[in-house]
Amino acid sequence: MPDETGRLSQAEQNQIMQELRKRFLDLCCPVSGSANFNLHDYVVAPVTVGGTGNIYPGGGTVIPQIMIVS
C-alpha cells in the first residue's frame, strides 16, 4: 500500500513488476516497445479537465494507476 503521499516503496514496486511479468510474459512498454522499464514512484489517479480549464477530480470511483517510465 502506498504511503500517505501515494509513494510506493521499492519493495512494492518490485512486487508489482513481478506480478506484471508473471501475468504478461511478453510485457513491454506500450509507448517505446522496450521490455526494460521502471515504475513511477507514485500511484496516480486520472482527473477530468473541462473546456474552461476547471479540474474535476474523481467524478465517482477512482481507480489508482501505476505509471511506467521507459
C-alpha atoms as a PDB file:
ATOM      1  CA  MET A   1       0.000   0.000   0.000  1.00  0.00           C
ATOM      2  CA  PRO A   2       1.468   3.387  -0.900  1.00  0.00           C
ATOM      3  CA  ASP A   3       2.260   5.839   1.884  1.00  0.00           C
ATOM      4  CA  GLU A   4       0.076   8.866   2.661  1.00  0.00           C
ATOM      5  CA  THR A   5       1.601  10.810  -0.257  1.00  0.00           C
ATOM      6  CA  GLY A   6       0.954   7.984  -2.729  1.00  0.00           C
ATOM      7  CA  ARG A   7       4.599   6.916  -2.919  1.00  0.00           C
ATOM      8  CA  LEU A   8       5.367   3.231  -3.462  1.00  0.00           C
ATOM      9  CA  SER A   9       8.281   1.651  -1.619  1.00  0.00           C
ATOM     10  CA  GLN A  10      10.937  -0.168  -3.631  1.00  0.00           C
ATOM     11  CA  ALA A  11       9.603  -3.477  -2.287  1.00  0.00           C
ATOM     12  CA  GLU A  12       6.098  -2.587  -3.518  1.00  0.00           C
ATOM     13  CA  GLN A  13       7.457  -1.608  -6.933  1.00  0.00           C
ATOM     14  CA  ASN A  14       9.334  -4.913  -7.139  1.00  0.00           C
ATOM     15  CA  GLN A  15       6.204  -6.854  -6.166  1.00  0.00           C
ATOM     16  CA  ILE A  16       4.127  -5.065  -8.828  1.00  0.00           C
ATOM     17  CA  MET A  17       6.762  -5.730 -11.518  1.00  0.00           C
ATOM     18  CA  GLN A  18       6.928  -9.418 -10.563  1.00  0.00           C
ATOM     19  CA  GLU A  19       3.149  -9.696 -10.807  1.00  0.00           C
ATOM     20  CA  LEU A  20       3.047  -7.885 -14.164  1.00  0.00           C
ATOM     21  CA  ARG A  21       5.787 -10.099 -15.613  1.00  0.00           C
ATOM     22  CA  LYS A  22       4.024 -13.216 -14.319  1.00  0.00           C
ATOM     23  CA  ARG A  23       0.693 -12.223 -15.899  1.00  0.00           C
ATOM     24  CA  PHE A  24       2.094 -10.773 -19.122  1.00  0.00           C
ATOM     25  CA  LEU A  25       5.014 -12.868 -20.363  1.00  0.00           C
ATOM     26  CA  ASP A  26       5.847 -10.541 -23.263  1.00  0.00           C
ATOM     27  CA  LEU A  27       5.395  -7.346 -21.234  1.00  0.00           C
ATOM     28  CA  CYS A  28       6.822  -4.239 -22.870  1.00  0.00           C
ATOM     29  CA  CYS A  29       6.289  -0.505 -22.656  1.00  0.00           C
ATOM     30  CA  PRO A  30       3.278   0.440 -24.799  1.00  0.00           C
ATOM     31  CA  VAL A  31       4.991   3.662 -25.907  1.00  0.00           C
ATOM     32  CA  SER A  32       8.607   2.700 -26.606  1.00  0.00           C
ATOM     33  CA  GLY A  33       8.186  -1.056 -27.089  1.00  0.00           C
ATOM     34  CA  SER A  34      11.071  -1.636 -24.675  1.00  0.00           C
ATOM     35  CA  ALA A  35      10.927  -4.537 -22.241  1.00  0.00           C
ATOM     36  CA  ASN A  36      13.227  -2.549 -19.925  1.00  0.00           C
ATOM     37  CA  PHE A  37      11.273  -0.014 -17.922  1.00  0.00           C
ATOM     38  CA  ASN A  38      10.596   1.075 -14.351  1.00  0.00           C
ATOM     39  CA  LEU A  39       7.522   2.035 -12.413  1.00  0.00           C
ATOM     40  CA  HIS A  40       6.931   5.618 -11.360  1.00  0.00           C
ATOM     41  CA  ASP A  41       7.432   6.156  -7.632  1.00  0.00           C
ATOM     42  CA  TYR A  42       3.860   7.336  -7.102  1.00  0.00           C
ATOM     43  CA  VAL A  43       0.400   5.899  -7.649  1.00  0.00           C
ATOM     44  CA  VAL A  44      -1.656   8.260  -9.819  1.00  0.00           C
ATOM     45  CA  ALA A  45      -5.357   8.844 -10.487  1.00  0.00           C
ATOM     46  CA  PRO A  46      -6.824  10.434 -13.604  1.00  0.00           C
ATOM     47  CA  VAL A  47      -8.735  13.704 -13.420  1.00  0.00           C
ATOM     48  CA  THR A  48     -11.088  15.327 -15.914  1.00  0.00           C
ATOM     49  CA  VAL A  49     -10.272  18.817 -17.185  1.00  0.00           C
ATOM     50  CA  GLY A  50     -13.256  20.699 -18.546  1.00  0.00           C
ATOM     51  CA  GLY A  51     -13.253  23.019 -21.542  1.00  0.00           C
ATOM     52  CA  THR A  52     -12.899  26.018 -19.229  1.00  0.00           C
ATOM     53  CA  GLY A  53      -9.798  24.553 -17.582  1.00  0.00           C
ATOM     54  CA  ASN A  54     -11.656  23.501 -14.447  1.00  0.00           C
ATOM     55  CA  ILE A  55     -10.391  20.295 -12.879  1.00  0.00           C
ATOM     56  CA  TYR A  56     -12.958  17.675 -11.854  1.00  0.00           C
ATOM     57  CA  PRO A  57     -11.155  15.087  -9.708  1.00  0.00           C
ATOM     58  CA  GLY A  58     -12.794  11.720  -9.271  1.00  0.00           C
ATOM     59  CA  GLY A  59     -16.311  12.145 -10.534  1.00  0.00           C
ATOM     60  CA  GLY A  60     -17.144   8.845  -8.872  1.00  0.00           C
ATOM     61  CA  THR A  61     -14.992   5.816  -8.192  1.00  0.00           C
ATOM     62  CA  VAL A  62     -11.282   6.453  -8.788  1.00  0.00           C
ATOM     63  CA  ILE A  63      -9.074   3.514  -9.718  1.00  0.00           C
ATOM     64  CA  PRO A  64      -5.431   4.111  -8.773  1.00  0.00           C
ATOM     65  CA  GLN A  65      -2.983   3.581 -11.604  1.00  0.00           C
ATOM     66  CA  ILE A  66       0.708   2.764 -11.828  1.00  0.00           C
ATOM     67  CA  MET A  67       2.709   4.691 -14.424  1.00  0.00           C
ATOM     68  CA  ILE A  68       5.609   3.098 -16.237  1.00  0.00           C
ATOM     69  CA  VAL A  69       8.785   5.004 -17.071  1.00  0.00           C
ATOM     70  CA  SER A  70      10.695   3.884 -20.125  1.00  0.00           C
END
